[in-house]
């Protein structure tokens, strides 16, 4: 990420050892590690929140693109009406045929 190599880390360690001193260096390193960990956790939580928001937006878009349940109900009702009309016409024609054969 920052492209820091081994020698750069050694140089930072040596300078911090000289500036801070060997007595305080472990405490400072612990505190720095604590804050770096907090920063990583914060970045991870922001990333997860952004990911959740993107997924929610994707779902909204998918729902807007696909027909709603009302459209399906309307289609089913139309199909049912058409089927009823077809069965009634078949029933009527069968009744007409049976009347013709009886006469």
PDB file of N, CA and C in Angstrom:
ATOM      1  N   UNK A   1       0.833  -1.179   0.000  1.00  0.00           N
ATOM      2  CA  UNK A   1       0.000   0.000   0.000  1.00  0.00           C
ATOM      3  C   UNK A   1       0.886   1.253   0.000  1.00  0.00           C
ATOM      4  N   UNK A   2       1.809   1.369   0.953  1.00  0.00           N
ATOM      5  CA  UNK A   2       2.689   2.527   0.997  1.00  0.00           C
ATOM      6  C   UNK A   2       4.038   2.228   0.351  1.00  0.00           C
ATOM      7  N   UNK A   3       4.245   0.980  -0.029  1.00  0.00           N
ATOM      8  CA  UNK A   3       5.481   0.551  -0.683  1.00  0.00           C
ATOM      9  C   UNK A   3       6.694   0.854   0.192  1.00  0.00           C
ATOM     10  N   UNK A   4       6.633   0.402   1.437  1.00  0.00           N
ATOM     11  CA  UNK A   4       7.742   0.574   2.378  1.00  0.00           C
ATOM     12  C   UNK A   4       8.490  -0.747   2.448  1.00  0.00           C
ATOM     13  N   UNK A   5       9.802  -0.673   2.202  1.00  0.00           N
ATOM     14  CA  UNK A   5      10.627  -1.870   2.218  1.00  0.00           C
ATOM     15  C   UNK A   5      11.259  -2.126   3.576  1.00  0.00           C
ATOM     16  N   UNK A   6      12.074  -3.198   3.600  1.00  0.00           N
ATOM     17  CA  UNK A   6      12.720  -3.601   4.844  1.00  0.00           C
ATOM     18  C   UNK A   6      13.681  -2.528   5.346  1.00  0.00           C
ATOM     19  N   UNK A   7      14.498  -1.962   4.457  1.00  0.00           N
ATOM     20  CA  UNK A   7      15.509  -0.991   4.877  1.00  0.00           C
ATOM     21  C   UNK A   7      14.878   0.302   5.378  1.00  0.00           C
ATOM     22  N   UNK A   8      13.728   0.672   4.789  1.00  0.00           N
ATOM     23  CA  UNK A   8      13.037   1.860   5.281  1.00  0.00           C
ATOM     24  C   UNK A   8      12.524   1.641   6.704  1.00  0.00           C
ATOM     25  N   UNK A   9      12.005   0.442   6.960  1.00  0.00           N
ATOM     26  CA  UNK A   9      11.537   0.118   8.316  1.00  0.00           C
ATOM     27  C   UNK A   9      12.691   0.116   9.311  1.00  0.00           C
ATOM     28  N   UNK A  10      13.828  -0.421   8.902  1.00  0.00           N
ATOM     29  CA  UNK A  10      15.004  -0.421   9.786  1.00  0.00           C
ATOM     30  C   UNK A  10      15.431   1.009  10.107  1.00  0.00           C
ATOM     31  N   UNK A  11      15.407   1.880   9.114  1.00  0.00           N
ATOM     32  CA  UNK A  11      15.789   3.270   9.320  1.00  0.00           C
ATOM     33  C   UNK A  11      14.824   3.972  10.279  1.00  0.00           C
ATOM     34  N   UNK A  12      13.522   3.743  10.099  1.00  0.00           N
ATOM     35  CA  UNK A  12      12.529   4.334  11.001  1.00  0.00           C
ATOM     36  C   UNK A  12      12.729   3.808  12.422  1.00  0.00           C
ATOM     37  N   UNK A  13      12.990   2.517  12.568  1.00  0.00           N
ATOM     38  CA  UNK A  13      13.231   1.933  13.893  1.00  0.00           C
ATOM     39  C   UNK A  13      14.461   2.513  14.558  1.00  0.00           C
ATOM     40  N   UNK A  14      15.521   2.687  13.789  1.00  0.00           N
ATOM     41  CA  UNK A  14      16.757   3.243  14.340  1.00  0.00           C
ATOM     42  C   UNK A  14      16.576   4.699  14.771  1.00  0.00           C
ATOM     43  N   UNK A  15      15.913   5.494  13.931  1.00  0.00           N
ATOM     44  CA  UNK A  15      15.678   6.898  14.275  1.00  0.00           C
ATOM     45  C   UNK A  15      14.785   7.002  15.505  1.00  0.00           C
ATOM     46  N   UNK A  16      13.728   6.184  15.562  1.00  0.00           N
ATOM     47  CA  UNK A  16      12.839   6.238  16.729  1.00  0.00           C
ATOM     48  C   UNK A  16      13.557   5.771  17.991  1.00  0.00           C
ATOM     49  N   UNK A  17      14.456   4.798  17.862  1.00  0.00           N
ATOM     50  CA  UNK A  17      15.233   4.358  19.027  1.00  0.00           C
ATOM     51  C   UNK A  17      16.129   5.477  19.532  1.00  0.00           C
ATOM     52  N   UNK A  18      16.715   6.231  18.624  1.00  0.00           N
ATOM     53  CA  UNK A  18      17.595   7.335  19.016  1.00  0.00           C
ATOM     54  C   UNK A  18      16.780   8.489  19.597  1.00  0.00           C
ATOM     55  N   UNK A  19      15.674   8.837  18.955  1.00  0.00           N
ATOM     56  CA  UNK A  19      14.891   9.998  19.388  1.00  0.00           C
ATOM     57  C   UNK A  19      14.129   9.711  20.678  1.00  0.00           C
ATOM     58  N   UNK A  20      13.424   8.588  20.722  1.00  0.00           N
ATOM     59  CA  UNK A  20      12.561   8.282  21.876  1.00  0.00           C
ATOM     60  C   UNK A  20      13.365   7.678  23.022  1.00  0.00           C
ATOM     61  N   UNK A  21      14.303   6.850  22.696  1.00  0.00           N
ATOM     62  CA  UNK A  21      15.096   6.205  23.735  1.00  0.00           C
ATOM     63  C   UNK A  21      14.612   4.781  23.972  1.00  0.00           C
ATOM     64  N   UNK A  22      15.505   3.928  24.463  1.00  0.00           N
ATOM     65  CA  UNK A  22      15.158   2.516  24.643  1.00  0.00           C
ATOM     66  C   UNK A  22      14.146   2.262  25.764  1.00  0.00           C
ATOM     67  N   UNK A  23      14.008   3.174  26.732  1.00  0.00           N
ATOM     68  CA  UNK A  23      13.075   2.952  27.834  1.00  0.00           C
ATOM     69  C   UNK A  23      11.639   3.194  27.408  1.00  0.00           C
ATOM     70  N   UNK A  24      11.423   4.221  26.591  1.00  0.00           N
ATOM     71  CA  UNK A  24      10.055   4.597  26.221  1.00  0.00           C
ATOM     72  C   UNK A  24       9.601   3.954  24.907  1.00  0.00           C
ATOM     73  N   UNK A  25      10.517   3.380  24.145  1.00  0.00           N
ATOM     74  CA  UNK A  25      10.169   2.849  22.822  1.00  0.00           C
ATOM     75  C   UNK A  25       9.097   1.752  22.864  1.00  0.00           C
ATOM     76  N   UNK A  26       9.144   0.778  23.777  1.00  0.00           N
ATOM     77  CA  UNK A  26       8.078  -0.236  23.789  1.00  0.00           C
ATOM     78  C   UNK A  26       6.688   0.348  24.070  1.00  0.00           C
ATOM     79  N   UNK A  27       6.633   1.308  24.985  1.00  0.00           N
ATOM     80  CA  UNK A  27       5.350   1.932  25.307  1.00  0.00           C
ATOM     81  C   UNK A  27       4.812   2.711  24.107  1.00  0.00           C
ATOM     82  N   UNK A  28       5.687   3.459  23.434  1.00  0.00           N
ATOM     83  CA  UNK A  28       5.276   4.231  22.254  1.00  0.00           C
ATOM     84  C   UNK A  28       4.846   3.289  21.129  1.00  0.00           C
ATOM     85  N   UNK A  29       5.579   2.205  20.961  1.00  0.00           N
ATOM     86  CA  UNK A  29       5.229   1.231  19.920  1.00  0.00           C
ATOM     87  C   UNK A  29       3.866   0.608  20.212  1.00  0.00           C
ATOM     88  N   UNK A  30       3.589   0.306  21.470  1.00  0.00           N
ATOM     89  CA  UNK A  30       2.295  -0.268  21.859  1.00  0.00           C
ATOM     90  C   UNK A  30       1.153   0.712  21.571  1.00  0.00           C
ATOM     91  N   UNK A  31       1.372   1.967  21.936  1.00  0.00           N
ATOM     92  CA  UNK A  31       0.348   2.997  21.690  1.00  0.00           C
ATOM     93  C   UNK A  31       0.131   3.189  20.187  1.00  0.00           C
ATOM     94  N   UNK A  32       1.231   3.232  19.424  1.00  0.00           N
ATOM     95  CA  UNK A  32       1.111   3.387  17.969  1.00  0.00           C
ATOM     96  C   UNK A  32       0.370   2.195  17.362  1.00  0.00           C
ATOM     97  N   UNK A  33       0.684   1.015  17.827  1.00  0.00           N
ATOM     98  CA  UNK A  33      -0.017  -0.180  17.340  1.00  0.00           C
ATOM     99  C   UNK A  33      -1.500  -0.141  17.671  1.00  0.00           C
ATOM    100  N   UNK A  34      -1.836   0.340  18.866  1.00  0.00           N
ATOM    101  CA  UNK A  34      -3.234   0.465  19.266  1.00  0.00           C
ATOM    102  C   UNK A  34      -3.989   1.391  18.318  1.00  0.00           C
ATOM    103  N   UNK A  35      -3.386   2.563  18.019  1.00  0.00           N
ATOM    104  CA  UNK A  35      -4.067   3.530  17.150  1.00  0.00           C
ATOM    105  C   UNK A  35      -4.128   3.051  15.698  1.00  0.00           C
ATOM    106  N   UNK A  36      -3.102   2.356  15.266  1.00  0.00           N
ATOM    107  CA  UNK A  36      -3.141   1.787  13.904  1.00  0.00           C
ATOM    108  C   UNK A  36      -4.256   0.739  13.814  1.00  0.00           C
ATOM    109  N   UNK A  37      -4.390  -0.071  14.852  1.00  0.00           N
ATOM    110  CA  UNK A  37      -5.473  -1.068  14.881  1.00  0.00           C
ATOM    111  C   UNK A  37      -6.845  -0.408  14.870  1.00  0.00           C
ATOM    112  N   UNK A  38      -6.989   0.660  15.655  1.00  0.00           N
ATOM    113  CA  UNK A  38      -8.269   1.397  15.658  1.00  0.00           C
ATOM    114  C   UNK A  38      -8.579   1.960  14.279  1.00  0.00           C
ATOM    115  N   UNK A  39      -7.552   2.518  13.626  1.00  0.00           N
ATOM    116  CA  UNK A  39      -7.749   3.093  12.289  1.00  0.00           C
ATOM    117  C   UNK A  39      -8.158   2.004  11.292  1.00  0.00           C
ATOM    118  N   UNK A  40      -7.515   0.839  11.373  1.00  0.00           N
ATOM    119  CA  UNK A  40      -7.873  -0.269  10.479  1.00  0.00           C
ATOM    120  C   UNK A  40      -9.314  -0.715  10.712  1.00  0.00           C
ATOM    121  N   UNK A  41      -9.707  -0.824  11.979  1.00  0.00           N
ATOM    122  CA  UNK A  41     -11.084  -1.221  12.293  1.00  0.00           C
ATOM    123  C   UNK A  41     -12.083  -0.198  11.761  1.00  0.00           C
ATOM    124  N   UNK A  42     -11.752   1.080  11.889  1.00  0.00           N
ATOM    125  CA  UNK A  42     -12.646   2.119  11.395  1.00  0.00           C
ATOM    126  C   UNK A  42     -12.774   2.048   9.876  1.00  0.00           C
ATOM    127  N   UNK A  43     -11.656   1.856   9.192  1.00  0.00           N
ATOM    128  CA  UNK A  43     -11.688   1.742   7.733  1.00  0.00           C
ATOM    129  C   UNK A  43     -12.499   0.517   7.320  1.00  0.00           C
ATOM    130  N   UNK A  44     -12.326  -0.595   8.036  1.00  0.00           N
ATOM    131  CA  UNK A  44     -13.074  -1.809   7.715  1.00  0.00           C
ATOM    132  C   UNK A  44     -14.576  -1.607   7.928  1.00  0.00           C
ATOM    133  N   UNK A  45     -14.951  -0.898   8.993  1.00  0.00           N
ATOM    134  CA  UNK A  45     -16.377  -0.671   9.236  1.00  0.00           C
ATOM    135  C   UNK A  45     -16.975   0.259   8.185  1.00  0.00           C
ATOM    136  N   UNK A  46     -16.213   1.272   7.763  1.00  0.00           N
ATOM    137  CA  UNK A  46     -16.703   2.163   6.703  1.00  0.00           C
ATOM    138  C   UNK A  46     -16.867   1.391   5.399  1.00  0.00           C
ATOM    139  N   UNK A  47     -15.900   0.529   5.091  1.00  0.00           N
ATOM    140  CA  UNK A  47     -15.998  -0.293   3.879  1.00  0.00           C
ATOM    141  C   UNK A  47     -17.233  -1.187   3.923  1.00  0.00           C
ATOM    142  N   UNK A  48     -17.491  -1.814   5.068  1.00  0.00           N
ATOM    143  CA  UNK A  48     -18.652  -2.707   5.163  1.00  0.00           C
ATOM    144  C   UNK A  48     -19.958  -1.926   5.048  1.00  0.00           C
ATOM    145  N   UNK A  49     -20.016  -0.727   5.619  1.00  0.00           N
ATOM    146  CA  UNK A  49     -21.221   0.095   5.495  1.00  0.00           C
ATOM    147  C   UNK A  49     -21.457   0.504   4.045  1.00  0.00           C
ATOM    148  N   UNK A  50     -20.389   0.885   3.364  1.00  0.00           N
ATOM    149  CA  UNK A  50     -20.519   1.256   1.948  1.00  0.00           C
ATOM    150  C   UNK A  50     -20.972   0.059   1.128  1.00  0.00           C
ATOM    151  N   UNK A  51     -20.422  -1.103   1.427  1.00  0.00           N
ATOM    152  CA  UNK A  51     -20.804  -2.323   0.707  1.00  0.00           C
ATOM    153  C   UNK A  51     -22.281  -2.636   0.931  1.00  0.00           C
ATOM    154  N   UNK A  52     -22.752  -2.501   2.166  1.00  0.00           N
ATOM    155  CA  UNK A  52     -24.164  -2.750   2.468  1.00  0.00           C
ATOM    156  C   UNK A  52     -25.065  -1.767   1.721  1.00  0.00           C
ATOM    157  N   UNK A  53     -24.663  -0.507   1.692  1.00  0.00           N
ATOM    158  CA  UNK A  53     -25.450   0.504   0.974  1.00  0.00           C
ATOM    159  C   UNK A  53     -25.516   0.186  -0.510  1.00  0.00           C
ATOM    160  N   UNK A  54     -24.389  -0.233  -1.078  1.00  0.00           N
ATOM    161  CA  UNK A  54     -24.371  -0.589  -2.499  1.00  0.00           C
ATOM    162  C   UNK A  54     -25.267  -1.790  -2.775  1.00  0.00           C
ATOM    163  N   UNK A  55     -25.257  -2.765  -1.886  1.00  0.00           N
ATOM    164  CA  UNK A  55     -26.116  -3.940  -2.058  1.00  0.00           C
ATOM    165  C   UNK A  55     -27.583  -3.544  -1.960  1.00  0.00           C
ATOM    166  N   UNK A  56     -27.914  -2.662  -1.022  1.00  0.00           N
ATOM    167  CA  UNK A  56     -29.300  -2.204  -0.898  1.00  0.00           C
ATOM    168  C   UNK A  56     -29.743  -1.465  -2.153  1.00  0.00           C
ATOM    169  N   UNK A  57     -28.864  -0.634  -2.687  1.00  0.00           N
ATOM    170  CA  UNK A  57     -29.196   0.105  -3.907  1.00  0.00           C
ATOM    171  C   UNK A  57     -29.374  -0.844  -5.082  1.00  0.00           C
ATOM    172  N   UNK A  58     -28.517  -1.879  -5.152  1.00  0.00           N
ATOM    173  CA  UNK A  58     -28.651  -2.893  -6.198  1.00  0.00           C
ATOM    174  C   UNK A  58     -30.001  -3.590  -6.110  1.00  0.00           C
ATOM    175  N   UNK A  59     -30.400  -3.930  -4.890  1.00  0.00           N
ATOM    176  CA  UNK A  59     -31.689  -4.598  -4.689  1.00  0.00           C
ATOM    177  C   UNK A  59     -32.834  -3.690  -5.110  1.00  0.00           C
ATOM    178  N   UNK A  60     -32.753  -2.399  -4.770  1.00  0.00           N
ATOM    179  CA  UNK A  60     -33.797  -1.457  -5.181  1.00  0.00           C
ATOM    180  C   UNK A  60     -33.894  -1.382  -6.700  1.00  0.00           C
ATOM    181  N   UNK A  61     -32.750  -1.330  -7.359  1.00  0.00           N
ATOM    182  CA  UNK A  61     -32.750  -1.271  -8.815  1.00  0.00           C
ATOM    183  C   UNK A  61     -33.340  -2.536  -9.421  1.00  0.00           C
ATOM    184  N   UNK A  62     -32.993  -3.686  -8.846  1.00  0.00           N
ATOM    185  CA  UNK A  62     -33.534  -4.947  -9.352  1.00  0.00           C
ATOM    186  C   UNK A  62     -35.048  -4.994  -9.175  1.00  0.00           C
ATOM    187  N   UNK A  63     -35.533  -4.522  -8.032  1.00  0.00           N
ATOM    188  CA  UNK A  63     -36.970  -4.525  -7.796  1.00  0.00           C
ATOM    189  C   UNK A  63     -37.691  -3.576  -8.746  1.00  0.00           C
ATOM    190  N   UNK A  64     -37.068  -2.453  -9.062  1.00  0.00           N
ATOM    191  CA  UNK A  64     -37.681  -1.508  -9.986  1.00  0.00           C
ATOM    192  C   UNK A  64     -37.682  -2.032 -11.414  1.00  0.00           C
ATOM    193  N   UNK A  65     -36.706  -2.853 -11.766  1.00  0.00           N
ATOM    194  CA  UNK A  65     -36.623  -3.384 -13.117  1.00  0.00           C
ATOM    195  C   UNK A  65     -37.598  -4.538 -13.343  1.00  0.00           C
ATOM    196  N   UNK A  66     -37.854  -5.315 -12.330  1.00  0.00           N
ATOM    197  CA  UNK A  66     -38.709  -6.486 -12.483  1.00  0.00           C
ATOM    198  C   UNK A  66     -40.155  -6.130 -12.180  1.00  0.00           C
ATOM    199  N   UNK A  67     -41.079  -6.864 -12.810  1.00  0.00           N
ATOM    200  CA  UNK A  67     -42.493  -6.583 -12.550  1.00  0.00           C
ATOM    201  C   UNK A  67     -42.859  -6.824 -11.083  1.00  0.00           C
ATOM    202  N   UNK A  68     -43.821  -6.081 -10.637  1.00  0.00           N
ATOM    203  CA  UNK A  68     -44.240  -6.209  -9.250  1.00  0.00           C
ATOM    204  C   UNK A  68     -45.249  -7.334  -9.103  1.00  0.00           C
ATOM    205  N   UNK A  69     -45.617  -7.634  -7.880  1.00  0.00           N
ATOM    206  CA  UNK A  69     -46.589  -8.679  -7.598  1.00  0.00           C
ATOM    207  C   UNK A  69     -47.950  -8.302  -8.167  1.00  0.00           C
ATOM    208  N   UNK A  70     -48.265  -7.008  -8.149  1.00  0.00           N
ATOM    209  CA  UNK A  70     -49.540  -6.570  -8.710  1.00  0.00           C
ATOM    210  C   UNK A  70     -49.635  -6.894 -10.196  1.00  0.00           C
ATOM    211  N   UNK A  71     -48.525  -6.746 -10.910  1.00  0.00           N
ATOM    212  CA  UNK A  71     -48.514  -7.098 -12.328  1.00  0.00           C
ATOM    213  C   UNK A  71     -48.762  -8.595 -12.515  1.00  0.00           C
ATOM    214  N   UNK A  72     -48.156  -9.407 -11.637  1.00  0.00           N
ATOM    215  CA  UNK A  72     -48.381 -10.849 -11.725  1.00  0.00           C
ATOM    216  C   UNK A  72     -49.845 -11.193 -11.422  1.00  0.00           C
ATOM    217  N   UNK A  73     -50.408 -10.545 -10.415  1.00  0.00           N
ATOM    218  CA  UNK A  73     -51.814 -10.793 -10.082  1.00  0.00           C
ATOM    219  C   UNK A  73     -52.716 -10.422 -11.251  1.00  0.00           C
ATOM    220  N   UNK A  74     -52.437  -9.303 -11.876  1.00  0.00           N
ATOM    221  CA  UNK A  74     -53.231  -8.855 -13.013  1.00  0.00           C
ATOM    222  C   UNK A  74     -53.139  -9.868 -14.161  1.00  0.00           C
ATOM    223  N   UNK A  75     -51.940 -10.349 -14.426  1.00  0.00           N
ATOM    224  CA  UNK A  75     -51.741 -11.332 -15.486  1.00  0.00           C
ATOM    225  C   UNK A  75     -52.484 -12.627 -15.173  1.00  0.00           C
ATOM    226  N   UNK A  76     -52.434 -13.055 -13.913  1.00  0.00           N
ATOM    227  CA  UNK A  76     -53.136 -14.280 -13.515  1.00  0.00           C
ATOM    228  C   UNK A  76     -54.644 -14.103 -13.663  1.00  0.00           C
ATOM    229  N   UNK A  77     -55.154 -12.953 -13.260  1.00  0.00           N
ATOM    230  CA  UNK A  77     -56.594 -12.695 -13.392  1.00  0.00           C
ATOM    231  C   UNK A  77     -57.017 -12.688 -14.858  1.00  0.00           C
ATOM    232  N   UNK A  78     -56.225 -12.050 -15.716  1.00  0.00           N
ATOM    233  CA  UNK A  78     -56.540 -12.025 -17.140  1.00  0.00           C
ATOM    234  C   UNK A  78     -56.518 -13.433 -17.726  1.00  0.00           C
ATOM    235  N   UNK A  79     -55.538 -14.211 -17.350  1.00  0.00           N
ATOM    236  CA  UNK A  79     -55.446 -15.588 -17.836  1.00  0.00           C
ATOM    237  C   UNK A  79     -56.619 -16.408 -17.333  1.00  0.00           C
ATOM    238  N   UNK A  80     -56.979 -16.205 -16.089  1.00  0.00           N
ATOM    239  CA  UNK A  80     -58.118 -16.928 -15.511  1.00  0.00           C
ATOM    240  C   UNK A  80     -59.407 -16.561 -16.234  1.00  0.00           C
ATOM    241  N   UNK A  81     -59.621 -15.287 -16.502  1.00  0.00           N
ATOM    242  CA  UNK A  81     -60.817 -14.857 -17.231  1.00  0.00           C
ATOM    243  C   UNK A  81     -60.847 -15.464 -18.627  1.00  0.00           C
ATOM    244  N   UNK A  82     -59.713 -15.444 -19.286  1.00  0.00           N
ATOM    245  CA  UNK A  82     -59.629 -16.025 -20.623  1.00  0.00           C
ATOM    246  C   UNK A  82     -59.924 -17.516 -20.587  1.00  0.00           C
ATOM    247  N   UNK A  83     -59.400 -18.207 -19.587  1.00  0.00           N
ATOM    248  CA  UNK A  83     -59.640 -19.642 -19.446  1.00  0.00           C
ATOM    249  C   UNK A  83     -61.122 -19.917 -19.187  1.00  0.00           C
ATOM    250  N   UNK A  84     -61.750 -19.108 -18.332  1.00  0.00           N
ATOM    251  CA  UNK A  84     -63.182 -19.274 -18.056  1.00  0.00           C
ATOM    252  C   UNK A  84     -64.006 -19.086 -19.318  1.00  0.00           C
ATOM    253  N   UNK A  85     -63.671 -18.080 -20.108  1.00  0.00           N
ATOM    254  CA  UNK A  85     -64.409 -17.839 -21.347  1.00  0.00           C
ATOM    255  C   UNK A  85     -64.226 -19.005 -22.310  1.00  0.00           C
ATOM    256  N   UNK A  86     -63.024 -19.526 -22.381  1.00  0.00           N
ATOM    257  CA  UNK A  86     -62.764 -20.668 -23.275  1.00  0.00           C
ATOM    258  C   UNK A  86     -63.546 -21.885 -22.833  1.00  0.00           C
ATOM    259  N   UNK A  87     -63.547 -22.157 -21.529  1.00  0.00           N
ATOM    260  CA  UNK A  87     -64.281 -23.336 -21.053  1.00  0.00           C
ATOM    261  C   UNK A  87     -65.787 -23.168 -21.255  1.00  0.00           C
ATOM    262  N   UNK A  88     -66.277 -21.954 -21.095  1.00  0.00           N
ATOM    263  CA  UNK A  88     -67.711 -21.720 -21.319  1.00  0.00           C
ATOM    264  C   UNK A  88     -68.066 -21.916 -22.788  1.00  0.00           C
ATOM    265  N   UNK A  89     -67.219 -21.453 -23.690  1.00  0.00           N
ATOM    266  CA  UNK A  89     -67.513 -21.636 -25.111  1.00  0.00           C
ATOM    267  C   UNK A  89     -67.452 -23.103 -25.496  1.00  0.00           C
ATOM    268  N   UNK A  90     -66.490 -23.835 -24.933  1.00  0.00           N
ATOM    269  CA  UNK A  90     -66.414 -25.278 -25.207  1.00  0.00           C
ATOM    270  C   UNK A  90     -67.636 -25.973 -24.644  1.00  0.00           C
ATOM    271  N   UNK A  91     -68.034 -25.621 -23.450  1.00  0.00           N
ATOM    272  CA  UNK A  91     -69.214 -26.216 -22.820  1.00  0.00           C
ATOM    273  C   UNK A  91     -70.466 -25.915 -23.640  1.00  0.00           C
ATOM    274  N   UNK A  92     -70.595 -24.693 -24.123  1.00  0.00           N
ATOM    275  CA  UNK A  92     -71.750 -24.307 -24.933  1.00  0.00           C
ATOM    276  C   UNK A  92     -71.773 -25.093 -26.238  1.00  0.00           C
ATOM    277  N   UNK A  93     -70.627 -25.214 -26.870  1.00  0.00           N
ATOM    278  CA  UNK A  93     -70.602 -25.963 -28.129  1.00  0.00           C
ATOM    279  C   UNK A  93     -70.892 -27.445 -27.902  1.00  0.00           C
ATOM    280  N   UNK A  94     -70.462 -27.999 -26.770  1.00  0.00           N
ATOM    281  CA  UNK A  94     -70.789 -29.402 -26.465  1.00  0.00           C
ATOM    282  C   UNK A  94     -72.286 -29.562 -26.229  1.00  0.00           C
ATOM    283  N   UNK A  95     -72.877 -28.620 -25.525  1.00  0.00           N
ATOM    284  CA  UNK A  95     -74.320 -28.674 -25.293  1.00  0.00           C
ATOM    285  C   UNK A  95     -75.080 -28.572 -26.606  1.00  0.00           C
ATOM    286  N   UNK A  96     -74.621 -27.700 -27.500  1.00  0.00           N
ATOM    287  CA  UNK A  96     -75.257 -27.558 -28.809  1.00  0.00           C
ATOM    288  C   UNK A  96     -75.139 -28.856 -29.605  1.00  0.00           C
ATOM    289  N   UNK A  97     -73.993 -29.494 -29.547  1.00  0.00           N
ATOM    290  CA  UNK A  97     -73.785 -30.760 -30.266  1.00  0.00           C
ATOM    291  C   UNK A  97     -74.693 -31.849 -29.713  1.00  0.00           C
ATOM    292  N   UNK A  98     -74.813 -31.913 -28.364  1.00  0.00           N
ATOM    293  CA  UNK A  98     -75.666 -32.960 -27.777  1.00  0.00           C
ATOM    294  C   UNK A  98     -77.122 -32.693 -28.119  1.00  0.00           C
ATOM    295  N   UNK A  99     -77.548 -31.458 -28.207  1.00  0.00           N
ATOM    296  CA  UNK A  99     -78.925 -31.133 -28.578  1.00  0.00           C
ATOM    297  C   UNK A  99     -79.190 -31.535 -30.024  1.00  0.00           C
ATOM    298  N   UNK A 100     -78.227 -31.336 -30.884  1.00  0.00           N
ATOM    299  CA  UNK A 100     -78.385 -31.670 -32.296  1.00  0.00           C
ATOM    300  C   UNK A 100     -78.475 -33.171 -32.471  1.00  0.00           C
ATOM    301  N   UNK A 101     -77.707 -33.915 -31.698  1.00  0.00           N
ATOM    302  CA  UNK A 101     -77.735 -35.376 -31.848  1.00  0.00           C
ATOM    303  C   UNK A 101     -79.016 -35.966 -31.251  1.00  0.00           C
ATOM    304  N   UNK A 102     -79.581 -35.304 -30.253  1.00  0.00           N
ATOM    305  CA  UNK A 102     -80.820 -35.773 -29.624  1.00  0.00           C
ATOM    306  C   UNK A 102     -82.009 -35.549 -30.543  1.00  0.00           C
ATOM    307  N   UNK A 103     -81.943 -34.581 -31.421  1.00  0.00           N
ATOM    308  CA  UNK A 103     -83.085 -34.257 -32.266  1.00  0.00           C
ATOM    309  C   UNK A 103     -83.128 -35.140 -33.404  1.00  0.00           C
TER     310      UNK A 103
END
